[in-house]
PDB file of N, CA and C in Angstrom:
ATOM      1  N   MET A   1      29.589 -13.376 -47.770  1.00  0.00           N
ATOM      2  CA  MET A   1      28.559 -12.384 -47.900  1.00  0.00           C
ATOM      3  C   MET A   1      28.948 -11.180 -47.062  1.00  0.00           C
ATOM      4  N   SER A   2      29.433 -10.239 -47.704  1.00  0.00           N
ATOM      5  CA  SER A   2      29.807  -9.028 -47.004  1.00  0.00           C
ATOM      6  C   SER A   2      28.798  -7.939 -47.300  1.00  0.00           C
ATOM      7  N   ARG A   3      28.643  -7.061 -46.324  1.00  0.00           N
ATOM      8  CA  ARG A   3      27.712  -5.943 -46.493  1.00  0.00           C
ATOM      9  C   ARG A   3      28.441  -4.793 -47.133  1.00  0.00           C
ATOM     10  N   ARG A   4      27.724  -4.101 -47.945  1.00  0.00           N
ATOM     11  CA  ARG A   4      28.311  -2.947 -48.594  1.00  0.00           C
ATOM     12  C   ARG A   4      28.306  -1.777 -47.627  1.00  0.00           C
ATOM     13  N   ASN A   5      29.373  -1.096 -47.501  1.00  0.00           N
ATOM     14  CA  ASN A   5      29.497   0.015 -46.559  1.00  0.00           C
ATOM     15  C   ASN A   5      29.274   1.320 -47.310  1.00  0.00           C
ATOM     16  N   ASP A   6      28.119   1.955 -47.057  1.00  0.00           N
ATOM     17  CA  ASP A   6      27.832   3.247 -47.668  1.00  0.00           C
ATOM     18  C   ASP A   6      28.355   4.329 -46.753  1.00  0.00           C
ATOM     19  N   THR A   7      29.554   4.745 -46.924  1.00  0.00           N
ATOM     20  CA  THR A   7      30.177   5.746 -46.070  1.00  0.00           C
ATOM     21  C   THR A   7      29.434   7.068 -46.109  1.00  0.00           C
ATOM     22  N   PRO A   8      28.998   7.581 -47.253  1.00  0.00           N
ATOM     23  CA  PRO A   8      28.287   8.865 -47.248  1.00  0.00           C
ATOM     24  C   PRO A   8      26.947   8.773 -46.513  1.00  0.00           C
ATOM     25  N   THR A   9      26.229   7.651 -46.598  1.00  0.00           N
ATOM     26  CA  THR A   9      24.929   7.515 -45.928  1.00  0.00           C
ATOM     27  C   THR A   9      25.105   7.432 -44.419  1.00  0.00           C
ATOM     28  N   SER A  10      26.055   6.656 -43.960  1.00  0.00           N
ATOM     29  CA  SER A  10      26.258   6.526 -42.513  1.00  0.00           C
ATOM     30  C   SER A  10      26.789   7.820 -41.917  1.00  0.00           C
ATOM     31  N   CYS A  11      27.614   8.539 -42.649  1.00  0.00           N
ATOM     32  CA  CYS A  11      28.133   9.815 -42.179  1.00  0.00           C
ATOM     33  C   CYS A  11      27.010  10.846 -42.103  1.00  0.00           C
ATOM     34  N   MET A  12      26.087  10.797 -43.073  1.00  0.00           N
ATOM     35  CA  MET A  12      24.956  11.733 -43.084  1.00  0.00           C
ATOM     36  C   MET A  12      24.030  11.480 -41.889  1.00  0.00           C
ATOM     37  N   GLY A  13      23.850  10.210 -41.496  1.00  0.00           N
ATOM     38  CA  GLY A  13      23.040   9.887 -40.331  1.00  0.00           C
ATOM     39  C   GLY A  13      23.630  10.454 -39.051  1.00  0.00           C
ATOM     40  N   CYS A  14      24.955  10.396 -38.935  1.00  0.00           N
ATOM     41  CA  CYS A  14      25.625  10.961 -37.755  1.00  0.00           C
ATOM     42  C   CYS A  14      25.444  12.467 -37.698  1.00  0.00           C
ATOM     43  N   ILE A  15      25.539  13.114 -38.830  1.00  0.00           N
ATOM     44  CA  ILE A  15      25.381  14.572 -38.878  1.00  0.00           C
ATOM     45  C   ILE A  15      23.957  14.964 -38.498  1.00  0.00           C
ATOM     46  N   VAL A  16      22.964  14.225 -38.993  1.00  0.00           N
ATOM     47  CA  VAL A  16      21.568  14.520 -38.657  1.00  0.00           C
ATOM     48  C   VAL A  16      21.330  14.307 -37.157  1.00  0.00           C
ATOM     49  N   LEU A  17      21.885  13.244 -36.602  1.00  0.00           N
ATOM     50  CA  LEU A  17      21.738  12.967 -35.168  1.00  0.00           C
ATOM     51  C   LEU A  17      22.331  14.093 -34.325  1.00  0.00           C
ATOM     52  N   ILE A  18      23.500  14.563 -34.675  1.00  0.00           N
ATOM     53  CA  ILE A  18      24.146  15.652 -33.940  1.00  0.00           C
ATOM     54  C   ILE A  18      23.311  16.928 -34.044  1.00  0.00           C
ATOM     55  N   ALA A  19      22.780  17.210 -35.232  1.00  0.00           N
ATOM     56  CA  ALA A  19      21.962  18.417 -35.415  1.00  0.00           C
ATOM     57  C   ALA A  19      20.692  18.346 -34.576  1.00  0.00           C
ATOM     58  N   VAL A  20      20.055  17.173 -34.506  1.00  0.00           N
ATOM     59  CA  VAL A  20      18.834  17.016 -33.693  1.00  0.00           C
ATOM     60  C   VAL A  20      19.148  17.218 -32.219  1.00  0.00           C
ATOM     61  N   LEU A  21      20.257  16.671 -31.750  1.00  0.00           N
ATOM     62  CA  LEU A  21      20.636  16.846 -30.340  1.00  0.00           C
ATOM     63  C   LEU A  21      20.905  18.314 -30.012  1.00  0.00           C
ATOM     64  N   ILE A  22      21.577  19.017 -30.886  1.00  0.00           N
ATOM     65  CA  ILE A  22      21.877  20.436 -30.646  1.00  0.00           C
ATOM     66  C   ILE A  22      20.592  21.255 -30.635  1.00  0.00           C
ATOM     67  N   LEU A  23      19.724  21.030 -31.624  1.00  0.00           N
ATOM     68  CA  LEU A  23      18.464  21.784 -31.671  1.00  0.00           C
ATOM     69  C   LEU A  23      17.562  21.446 -30.478  1.00  0.00           C
ATOM     70  N   GLY A  24      17.541  20.196 -30.065  1.00  0.00           N
ATOM     71  CA  GLY A  24      16.749  19.808 -28.889  1.00  0.00           C
ATOM     72  C   GLY A  24      17.253  20.479 -27.623  1.00  0.00           C
ATOM     73  N   GLY A  25      18.587  20.543 -27.480  1.00  0.00           N
ATOM     74  CA  GLY A  25      19.166  21.215 -26.318  1.00  0.00           C
ATOM     75  C   GLY A  25      18.829  22.690 -26.292  1.00  0.00           C
ATOM     76  N   LEU A  26      18.882  23.331 -27.454  1.00  0.00           N
ATOM     77  CA  LEU A  26      18.534  24.757 -27.528  1.00  0.00           C
ATOM     78  C   LEU A  26      17.060  24.972 -27.202  1.00  0.00           C
ATOM     79  N   PHE A  27      16.204  24.068 -27.670  1.00  0.00           N
ATOM     80  CA  PHE A  27      14.776  24.175 -27.397  1.00  0.00           C
ATOM     81  C   PHE A  27      14.487  24.036 -25.897  1.00  0.00           C
ATOM     82  N   ILE A  28      15.111  23.065 -25.266  1.00  0.00           N
ATOM     83  CA  ILE A  28      14.906  22.858 -23.820  1.00  0.00           C
ATOM     84  C   ILE A  28      15.435  24.050 -23.032  1.00  0.00           C
ATOM     85  N   ARG A  29      16.582  24.592 -23.429  1.00  0.00           N
ATOM     86  CA  ARG A  29      17.143  25.745 -22.730  1.00  0.00           C
ATOM     87  C   ARG A  29      16.214  26.957 -22.860  1.00  0.00           C
ATOM     88  N   THR A  30      15.618  27.157 -24.031  1.00  0.00           N
ATOM     89  CA  THR A  30      14.693  28.278 -24.257  1.00  0.00           C
ATOM     90  C   THR A  30      13.471  28.148 -23.366  1.00  0.00           C
ATOM     91  N   ILE A  31      12.938  26.940 -23.267  1.00  0.00           N
ATOM     92  CA  ILE A  31      11.762  26.720 -22.415  1.00  0.00           C
ATOM     93  C   ILE A  31      12.108  26.944 -20.954  1.00  0.00           C
ATOM     94  N   ALA A  32      13.263  26.451 -20.514  1.00  0.00           N
ATOM     95  CA  ALA A  32      13.669  26.604 -19.112  1.00  0.00           C
ATOM     96  C   ALA A  32      13.888  28.083 -18.776  1.00  0.00           C
ATOM     97  N   ASP A  33      14.484  28.835 -19.691  1.00  0.00           N
ATOM     98  CA  ASP A  33      14.713  30.265 -19.437  1.00  0.00           C
ATOM     99  C   ASP A  33      13.396  31.029 -19.357  1.00  0.00           C
ATOM    100  N   SER A  34      12.440  30.678 -20.217  1.00  0.00           N
ATOM    101  CA  SER A  34      11.157  31.388 -20.174  1.00  0.00           C
ATOM    102  C   SER A  34      10.375  31.023 -18.919  1.00  0.00           C
ATOM    103  N   ALA A  35      10.534  29.790 -18.423  1.00  0.00           N
ATOM    104  CA  ALA A  35       9.848  29.398 -17.190  1.00  0.00           C
ATOM    105  C   ALA A  35      10.464  30.103 -15.986  1.00  0.00           C
ATOM    106  N   ALA A  36      11.759  30.383 -16.035  1.00  0.00           N
ATOM    107  CA  ALA A  36      12.428  31.065 -14.925  1.00  0.00           C
ATOM    108  C   ALA A  36      12.030  32.539 -14.859  1.00  0.00           C
ATOM    109  N   ASP A  37      11.594  33.102 -15.970  1.00  0.00           N
ATOM    110  CA  ASP A  37      11.205  34.509 -16.005  1.00  0.00           C
ATOM    111  C   ASP A  37       9.817  34.752 -15.410  1.00  0.00           C
ATOM    112  N   LEU A  38       9.014  33.704 -15.245  1.00  0.00           N
ATOM    113  CA  LEU A  38       7.664  33.870 -14.696  1.00  0.00           C
ATOM    114  C   LEU A  38       7.745  34.241 -13.215  1.00  0.00           C
ATOM    115  N   PRO A  39       6.849  35.103 -12.731  1.00  0.00           N
ATOM    116  CA  PRO A  39       6.865  35.444 -11.299  1.00  0.00           C
ATOM    117  C   PRO A  39       6.419  34.245 -10.467  1.00  0.00           C
ATOM    118  N   GLN A  40       7.103  34.033  -9.373  1.00  0.00           N
ATOM    119  CA  GLN A  40       6.782  32.928  -8.481  1.00  0.00           C
ATOM    120  C   GLN A  40       5.652  33.340  -7.545  1.00  0.00           C
ATOM    121  N   PRO A  41       4.598  32.508  -7.414  1.00  0.00           N
ATOM    122  CA  PRO A  41       3.505  32.865  -6.506  1.00  0.00           C
ATOM    123  C   PRO A  41       3.957  32.756  -5.052  1.00  0.00           C
ATOM    124  N   THR A  42       3.508  33.702  -4.241  1.00  0.00           N
ATOM    125  CA  THR A  42       3.843  33.661  -2.818  1.00  0.00           C
ATOM    126  C   THR A  42       2.672  33.046  -2.061  1.00  0.00           C
ATOM    127  N   PRO A  43       2.921  32.119  -1.157  1.00  0.00           N
ATOM    128  CA  PRO A  43       1.831  31.485  -0.418  1.00  0.00           C
ATOM    129  C   PRO A  43       1.208  32.461   0.574  1.00  0.00           C
ATOM    130  N   GLU A  44      -0.086  32.285   0.772  1.00  0.00           N
ATOM    131  CA  GLU A  44      -0.776  33.143   1.728  1.00  0.00           C
ATOM    132  C   GLU A  44      -0.435  32.689   3.149  1.00  0.00           C
ATOM    133  N   PRO A  45      -0.327  33.629   4.096  1.00  0.00           N
ATOM    134  CA  PRO A  45      -0.014  33.222   5.470  1.00  0.00           C
ATOM    135  C   PRO A  45      -1.203  32.479   6.084  1.00  0.00           C
ATOM    136  N   LEU A  46      -0.887  31.541   6.968  1.00  0.00           N
ATOM    137  CA  LEU A  46      -1.913  30.779   7.664  1.00  0.00           C
ATOM    138  C   LEU A  46      -2.546  31.630   8.759  1.00  0.00           C
ATOM    139  N   PRO A  47      -3.832  31.424   9.022  1.00  0.00           N
ATOM    140  CA  PRO A  47      -4.463  32.196  10.098  1.00  0.00           C
ATOM    141  C   PRO A  47      -3.879  31.811  11.461  1.00  0.00           C
ATOM    142  N   ALA A  48      -3.783  32.774  12.333  1.00  0.00           N
ATOM    143  CA  ALA A  48      -3.223  32.539  13.660  1.00  0.00           C
ATOM    144  C   ALA A  48      -4.254  31.837  14.551  1.00  0.00           C
ATOM    145  N   VAL A  49      -3.790  30.920  15.375  1.00  0.00           N
ATOM    146  CA  VAL A  49      -4.664  30.207  16.309  1.00  0.00           C
ATOM    147  C   VAL A  49      -4.767  31.044  17.576  1.00  0.00           C
ATOM    148  N   THR A  50      -5.988  31.363  17.944  1.00  0.00           N
ATOM    149  CA  THR A  50      -6.183  32.198  19.127  1.00  0.00           C
ATOM    150  C   THR A  50      -6.743  31.427  20.305  1.00  0.00           C
ATOM    151  N   GLN A  51      -7.284  30.230  20.054  1.00  0.00           N
ATOM    152  CA  GLN A  51      -7.897  29.469  21.140  1.00  0.00           C
ATOM    153  C   GLN A  51      -7.550  28.002  20.959  1.00  0.00           C
ATOM    154  N   THR A  52      -7.252  27.325  22.051  1.00  0.00           N
ATOM    155  CA  THR A  52      -6.957  25.900  21.985  1.00  0.00           C
ATOM    156  C   THR A  52      -8.038  25.125  22.701  1.00  0.00           C
ATOM    157  N   GLU A  53      -8.302  23.919  22.205  1.00  0.00           N
ATOM    158  CA  GLU A  53      -9.286  23.045  22.839  1.00  0.00           C
ATOM    159  C   GLU A  53      -8.564  22.039  23.708  1.00  0.00           C
ATOM    160  N   THR A  54      -9.128  21.767  24.851  1.00  0.00           N
ATOM    161  CA  THR A  54      -8.580  20.726  25.697  1.00  0.00           C
ATOM    162  C   THR A  54      -9.440  19.484  25.509  1.00  0.00           C
ATOM    163  N   PRO A  55      -8.816  18.323  25.267  1.00  0.00           N
ATOM    164  CA  PRO A  55      -9.597  17.115  25.070  1.00  0.00           C
ATOM    165  C   PRO A  55     -10.275  16.699  26.375  1.00  0.00           C
ATOM    166  N   PRO A  56     -11.448  16.069  26.276  1.00  0.00           N
ATOM    167  CA  PRO A  56     -12.134  15.633  27.498  1.00  0.00           C
ATOM    168  C   PRO A  56     -11.350  14.508  28.163  1.00  0.00           C
ATOM    169  N   ASP A  57     -11.450  14.439  29.465  1.00  0.00           N
ATOM    170  CA  ASP A  57     -10.778  13.377  30.209  1.00  0.00           C
ATOM    171  C   ASP A  57     -11.510  12.067  29.970  1.00  0.00           C
ATOM    172  N   LEU A  58     -10.756  11.066  29.507  1.00  0.00           N
ATOM    173  CA  LEU A  58     -11.328   9.749  29.282  1.00  0.00           C
ATOM    174  C   LEU A  58     -11.026   8.863  30.480  1.00  0.00           C
ATOM    175  N   PRO A  59     -11.986   8.047  30.872  1.00  0.00           N
ATOM    176  CA  PRO A  59     -11.707   7.165  32.014  1.00  0.00           C
ATOM    177  C   PRO A  59     -10.671   6.115  31.620  1.00  0.00           C
ATOM    178  N   GLY A  60      -9.712   5.854  32.473  1.00  0.00           N
ATOM    179  CA  GLY A  60      -8.668   4.869  32.209  1.00  0.00           C
ATOM    180  C   GLY A  60      -9.159   3.470  32.531  1.00  0.00           C
ATOM    181  N   PRO A  61      -8.387   2.458  32.172  1.00  0.00           N
ATOM    182  CA  PRO A  61      -8.785   1.089  32.494  1.00  0.00           C
ATOM    183  C   PRO A  61      -8.750   0.862  34.006  1.00  0.00           C
ATOM    184  N   GLU A  62      -9.641   0.003  34.458  1.00  0.00           N
ATOM    185  CA  GLU A  62      -9.662  -0.297  35.889  1.00  0.00           C
ATOM    186  C   GLU A  62      -8.378  -1.010  36.253  1.00  0.00           C
ATOM    187  N   SER A  63      -7.786  -0.602  37.324  1.00  0.00           N
ATOM    188  CA  SER A  63      -6.480  -1.120  37.700  1.00  0.00           C
ATOM    189  C   SER A  63      -6.595  -2.126  38.827  1.00  0.00           C
ATOM    190  N   THR A  64      -5.893  -3.254  38.667  1.00  0.00           N
ATOM    191  CA  THR A  64      -5.781  -4.229  39.755  1.00  0.00           C
ATOM    192  C   THR A  64      -4.375  -4.166  40.326  1.00  0.00           C
ATOM    193  N   HIS A  65      -3.676  -3.099  40.012  1.00  0.00           N
ATOM    194  CA  HIS A  65      -2.285  -2.923  40.416  1.00  0.00           C
ATOM    195  C   HIS A  65      -2.187  -2.682  41.915  1.00  0.00           C
ATOM    196  N   THR A  66      -1.306  -3.433  42.522  1.00  0.00           N
ATOM    197  CA  THR A  66      -1.008  -3.189  43.933  1.00  0.00           C
ATOM    198  C   THR A  66       0.430  -2.701  44.008  1.00  0.00           C
ATOM    199  N   PRO A  67       0.691  -1.641  44.762  1.00  0.00           N
ATOM    200  CA  PRO A  67       2.009  -1.024  44.770  1.00  0.00           C
ATOM    201  C   PRO A  67       3.138  -1.950  45.193  1.00  0.00           C
ATOM    202  N   ASP A  68       2.874  -2.958  46.035  1.00  0.00           N
ATOM    203  CA  ASP A  68       3.958  -3.782  46.545  1.00  0.00           C
ATOM    204  C   ASP A  68       4.431  -4.846  45.549  1.00  0.00           C
ATOM    205  N   THR A  69       3.633  -5.188  44.528  1.00  0.00           N
ATOM    206  CA  THR A  69       4.057  -6.225  43.582  1.00  0.00           C
ATOM    207  C   THR A  69       4.834  -5.648  42.405  1.00  0.00           C
ATOM    208  N   GLY A  70       4.570  -4.417  42.007  1.00  0.00           N
ATOM    209  CA  GLY A  70       5.249  -3.821  40.874  1.00  0.00           C
ATOM    210  C   GLY A  70       4.812  -4.406  39.541  1.00  0.00           C
ATOM    211  N   ALA A  71       3.648  -5.038  39.495  1.00  0.00           N
ATOM    212  CA  ALA A  71       3.169  -5.681  38.268  1.00  0.00           C
ATOM    213  C   ALA A  71       2.556  -4.662  37.322  1.00  0.00           C
ATOM    214  N   GLN A  72       2.689  -4.928  36.021  1.00  0.00           N
ATOM    215  CA  GLN A  72       2.078  -4.081  34.999  1.00  0.00           C
ATOM    216  C   GLN A  72       0.626  -4.509  34.809  1.00  0.00           C
ATOM    217  N   ASP A  73      -0.245  -3.543  34.597  1.00  0.00           N
ATOM    218  CA  ASP A  73      -1.659  -3.844  34.416  1.00  0.00           C
ATOM    219  C   ASP A  73      -2.043  -3.783  32.941  1.00  0.00           C
ATOM    220  N   GLY A  74      -3.076  -4.526  32.596  1.00  0.00           N
ATOM    221  CA  GLY A  74      -3.658  -4.449  31.271  1.00  0.00           C
ATOM    222  C   GLY A  74      -2.873  -5.173  30.193  1.00  0.00           C
ATOM    223  N   ILE A  75      -2.057  -6.161  30.561  1.00  0.00           N
ATOM    224  CA  ILE A  75      -1.292  -6.873  29.538  1.00  0.00           C
ATOM    225  C   ILE A  75      -2.221  -7.842  28.811  1.00  0.00           C
ATOM    226  N   GLN A  76      -1.771  -8.322  27.651  1.00  0.00           N
ATOM    227  CA  GLN A  76      -2.535  -9.301  26.878  1.00  0.00           C
ATOM    228  C   GLN A  76      -1.652 -10.518  26.641  1.00  0.00           C
ATOM    229  N   PHE A  77      -2.181 -11.691  26.945  1.00  0.00           N
ATOM    230  CA  PHE A  77      -1.411 -12.923  26.818  1.00  0.00           C
ATOM    231  C   PHE A  77      -0.985 -13.145  25.372  1.00  0.00           C
ATOM    232  N   GLY A  78       0.265 -13.593  25.186  1.00  0.00           N
ATOM    233  CA  GLY A  78       0.790 -13.875  23.862  1.00  0.00           C
ATOM    234  C   GLY A  78       1.487 -12.702  23.200  1.00  0.00           C
ATOM    235  N   TYR A  79       1.346 -11.518  23.760  1.00  0.00           N
ATOM    236  CA  TYR A  79       1.985 -10.335  23.167  1.00  0.00           C
ATOM    237  C   TYR A  79       3.412 -10.196  23.675  1.00  0.00           C
ATOM    238  N   ALA A  80       4.230  -9.476  22.932  1.00  0.00           N
ATOM    239  CA  ALA A  80       5.638  -9.295  23.292  1.00  0.00           C
ATOM    240  C   ALA A  80       5.779  -8.548  24.605  1.00  0.00           C
ATOM    241  N   CYS A  81       6.829  -8.891  25.359  1.00  0.00           N
ATOM    242  CA  CYS A  81       7.074  -8.229  26.639  1.00  0.00           C
ATOM    243  C   CYS A  81       8.569  -8.090  26.849  1.00  0.00           C
ATOM    244  N   SER A  82       8.928  -7.319  27.852  1.00  0.00           N
ATOM    245  CA  SER A  82      10.329  -7.120  28.188  1.00  0.00           C
ATOM    246  C   SER A  82      10.384  -6.530  29.591  1.00  0.00           C
ATOM    247  N   PRO A  83      11.287  -6.900  30.407  1.00  0.00           N
ATOM    248  CA  PRO A  83      12.261  -7.980  30.321  1.00  0.00           C
ATOM    249  C   PRO A  83      11.631  -9.306  30.741  1.00  0.00           C
ATOM    250  N   VAL A  84      12.329 -10.404  30.415  1.00  0.00           N
ATOM    251  CA  VAL A  84      11.857 -11.726  30.827  1.00  0.00           C
ATOM    252  C   VAL A  84      11.846 -11.761  32.350  1.00  0.00           C
ATOM    253  N   GLY A  85      10.743 -12.257  32.907  1.00  0.00           N
ATOM    254  CA  GLY A  85      10.589 -12.310  34.359  1.00  0.00           C
ATOM    255  C   GLY A  85       9.722 -11.198  34.905  1.00  0.00           C
ATOM    256  N   ALA A  86       9.365 -10.232  34.067  1.00  0.00           N
ATOM    257  CA  ALA A  86       8.503  -9.144  34.518  1.00  0.00           C
ATOM    258  C   ALA A  86       7.130  -9.694  34.877  1.00  0.00           C
ATOM    259  N   LEU A  87       6.497  -9.073  35.867  1.00  0.00           N
ATOM    260  CA  LEU A  87       5.172  -9.500  36.303  1.00  0.00           C
ATOM    261  C   LEU A  87       4.120  -8.546  35.778  1.00  0.00           C
ATOM    262  N   GLY A  88       2.919  -9.083  35.581  1.00  0.00           N
ATOM    263  CA  GLY A  88       1.834  -8.251  35.099  1.00  0.00           C
ATOM    264  C   GLY A  88       0.494  -8.827  35.478  1.00  0.00           C
ATOM    265  N   ASN A  89      -0.539  -8.075  35.201  1.00  0.00           N
ATOM    266  CA  ASN A  89      -1.909  -8.511  35.422  1.00  0.00           C
ATOM    267  C   ASN A  89      -2.679  -8.301  34.132  1.00  0.00           C
ATOM    268  N   ALA A  90      -3.409  -9.342  33.702  1.00  0.00           N
ATOM    269  CA  ALA A  90      -4.213  -9.231  32.495  1.00  0.00           C
ATOM    270  C   ALA A  90      -5.384  -8.303  32.762  1.00  0.00           C
ATOM    271  N   GLU A  91      -6.073  -7.908  31.671  1.00  0.00           N
ATOM    272  CA  GLU A  91      -7.209  -7.004  31.808  1.00  0.00           C
ATOM    273  C   GLU A  91      -8.314  -7.609  32.670  1.00  0.00           C
ATOM    274  N   ASP A  92      -8.420  -8.951  32.668  1.00  0.00           N
ATOM    275  CA  ASP A  92      -9.455  -9.605  33.480  1.00  0.00           C
ATOM    276  C   ASP A  92      -8.967  -9.940  34.885  1.00  0.00           C
ATOM    277  N   GLY A  93      -7.751  -9.516  35.253  1.00  0.00           N
ATOM    278  CA  GLY A  93      -7.251  -9.681  36.607  1.00  0.00           C
ATOM    279  C   GLY A  93      -6.366 -10.891  36.818  1.00  0.00           C
ATOM    280  N   ARG A  94      -6.199 -11.754  35.824  1.00  0.00           N
ATOM    281  CA  ARG A  94      -5.354 -12.937  36.000  1.00  0.00           C
ATOM    282  C   ARG A  94      -3.884 -12.521  36.062  1.00  0.00           C
ATOM    283  N   PRO A  95      -3.083 -13.195  36.892  1.00  0.00           N
ATOM    284  CA  PRO A  95      -1.659 -12.862  36.987  1.00  0.00           C
ATOM    285  C   PRO A  95      -0.911 -13.328  35.736  1.00  0.00           C
ATOM    286  N   ALA A  96       0.099 -12.563  35.346  1.00  0.00           N
ATOM    287  CA  ALA A  96       0.872 -12.887  34.152  1.00  0.00           C
ATOM    288  C   ALA A  96       2.349 -12.684  34.429  1.00  0.00           C
ATOM    289  N   LYS A  97       3.172 -13.374  33.610  1.00  0.00           N
ATOM    290  CA  LYS A  97       4.617 -13.248  33.733  1.00  0.00           C
ATOM    291  C   LYS A  97       5.210 -13.277  32.332  1.00  0.00           C
ATOM    292  N   CYS A  98       6.309 -12.564  32.162  1.00  0.00           N
ATOM    293  CA  CYS A  98       6.995 -12.511  30.878  1.00  0.00           C
ATOM    294  C   CYS A  98       7.917 -13.727  30.767  1.00  0.00           C
ATOM    295  N   PHE A  99       7.596 -14.625  29.820  1.00  0.00           N
ATOM    296  CA  PHE A  99       8.364 -15.850  29.625  1.00  0.00           C
ATOM    297  C   PHE A  99       9.098 -15.799  28.290  1.00  0.00           C
ATOM    298  N   MET A 100      10.200 -16.574  28.192  1.00  0.00           N
ATOM    299  CA  MET A 100      10.918 -16.727  26.931  1.00  0.00           C
ATOM    300  C   MET A 100      10.287 -17.899  26.197  1.00  0.00           C
ATOM    301  N   GLY A 101       9.788 -17.665  25.006  1.00  0.00           N
ATOM    302  CA  GLY A 101       9.139 -18.712  24.234  1.00  0.00           C
ATOM    303  C   GLY A 101      10.144 -19.621  23.543  1.00  0.00           C
ATOM    304  N   LYS A 102       9.632 -20.726  22.968  1.00  0.00           N
ATOM    305  CA  LYS A 102      10.494 -21.668  22.251  1.00  0.00           C
ATOM    306  C   LYS A 102      11.119 -21.027  21.014  1.00  0.00           C
ATOM    307  N   ASP A 103      10.465 -19.999  20.492  1.00  0.00           N
ATOM    308  CA  ASP A 103      10.993 -19.312  19.313  1.00  0.00           C
ATOM    309  C   ASP A 103      12.057 -18.273  19.675  1.00  0.00           C
ATOM    310  N   GLY A 104      12.348 -18.121  20.966  1.00  0.00           N
ATOM    311  CA  GLY A 104      13.371 -17.175  21.400  1.00  0.00           C
ATOM    312  C   GLY A 104      12.862 -15.768  21.613  1.00  0.00           C
ATOM    313  N   ARG A 105      11.541 -15.584  21.601  1.00  0.00           N
ATOM    314  CA  ARG A 105      10.956 -14.261  21.810  1.00  0.00           C
ATOM    315  C   ARG A 105      10.191 -14.239  23.128  1.00  0.00           C
ATOM    316  N   ALA A 106      10.280 -13.112  23.828  1.00  0.00           N
ATOM    317  CA  ALA A 106       9.610 -12.971  25.114  1.00  0.00           C
ATOM    318  C   ALA A 106       8.129 -12.681  24.894  1.00  0.00           C
ATOM    319  N   ARG A 107       7.260 -13.418  25.603  1.00  0.00           N
ATOM    320  CA  ARG A 107       5.814 -13.268  25.478  1.00  0.00           C
ATOM    321  C   ARG A 107       5.176 -13.333  26.860  1.00  0.00           C
ATOM    322  N   TRP A 108       3.995 -12.670  26.986  1.00  0.00           N
ATOM    323  CA  TRP A 108       3.247 -12.738  28.231  1.00  0.00           C
ATOM    324  C   TRP A 108       2.538 -14.088  28.316  1.00  0.00           C
ATOM    325  N   GLY A 109       2.589 -14.699  29.501  1.00  0.00           N
ATOM    326  CA  GLY A 109       1.910 -15.957  29.740  1.00  0.00           C
ATOM    327  C   GLY A 109       1.317 -15.974  31.139  1.00  0.00           C
ATOM    328  N   TYR A 110       0.459 -16.971  31.395  1.00  0.00           N
ATOM    329  CA  TYR A 110      -0.201 -17.094  32.701  1.00  0.00           C
ATOM    330  C   TYR A 110       0.809 -17.487  33.746  1.00  0.00           C
ATOM    331  N   ASP A 111       0.792 -16.804  34.884  1.00  0.00           N
ATOM    332  CA  ASP A 111       1.714 -17.080  35.982  1.00  0.00           C
ATOM    333  C   ASP A 111       0.967 -17.866  37.049  1.00  0.00           C
ATOM    334  N   SER A 112       1.119 -19.195  37.004  1.00  0.00           N
ATOM    335  CA  SER A 112       0.377 -20.044  37.939  1.00  0.00           C
ATOM    336  C   SER A 112       0.916 -19.964  39.357  1.00  0.00           C
ATOM    337  N   ASN A 113       2.133 -19.429  39.555  1.00  0.00           N
ATOM    338  CA  ASN A 113       2.698 -19.323  40.898  1.00  0.00           C
ATOM    339  C   ASN A 113       2.060 -18.217  41.708  1.00  0.00           C
ATOM    340  N   ARG A 114       1.393 -17.267  41.041  1.00  0.00           N
ATOM    341  CA  ARG A 114       0.783 -16.159  41.776  1.00  0.00           C
ATOM    342  C   ARG A 114      -0.725 -16.267  41.818  1.00  0.00           C
ATOM    343  N   GLY A 115      -1.318 -17.247  41.264  1.00  0.00           N
ATOM    344  CA  GLY A 115      -2.771 -17.284  41.320  1.00  0.00           C
ATOM    345  C   GLY A 115      -3.257 -18.465  40.693  1.00  0.00           C
TER     346      GLY A 115
END
């Protein structure tokens, strides 16, 4: 079972395809050229800032930090820390230390040696 090869029909399809591609390209080029001829809008300048506001002073967290220990204040247990061995104080005043967890990540934990 062989198919009949209509050479004139298949050749005519190729010619129509080429003509459509050429006409489509010319159409797109015409549209692009007409769009390039339109004047480009210029943006309006922004108004100049003449006065600045200063934010109000917010009270900071109460500190249990003592200068001789070098501990960080306001840490949260279980959160990441660095470096291992660093000392800190939790928000409620409990002593904390940066430990290496079983998962290989450094986390804040309770330091029973200091309190």
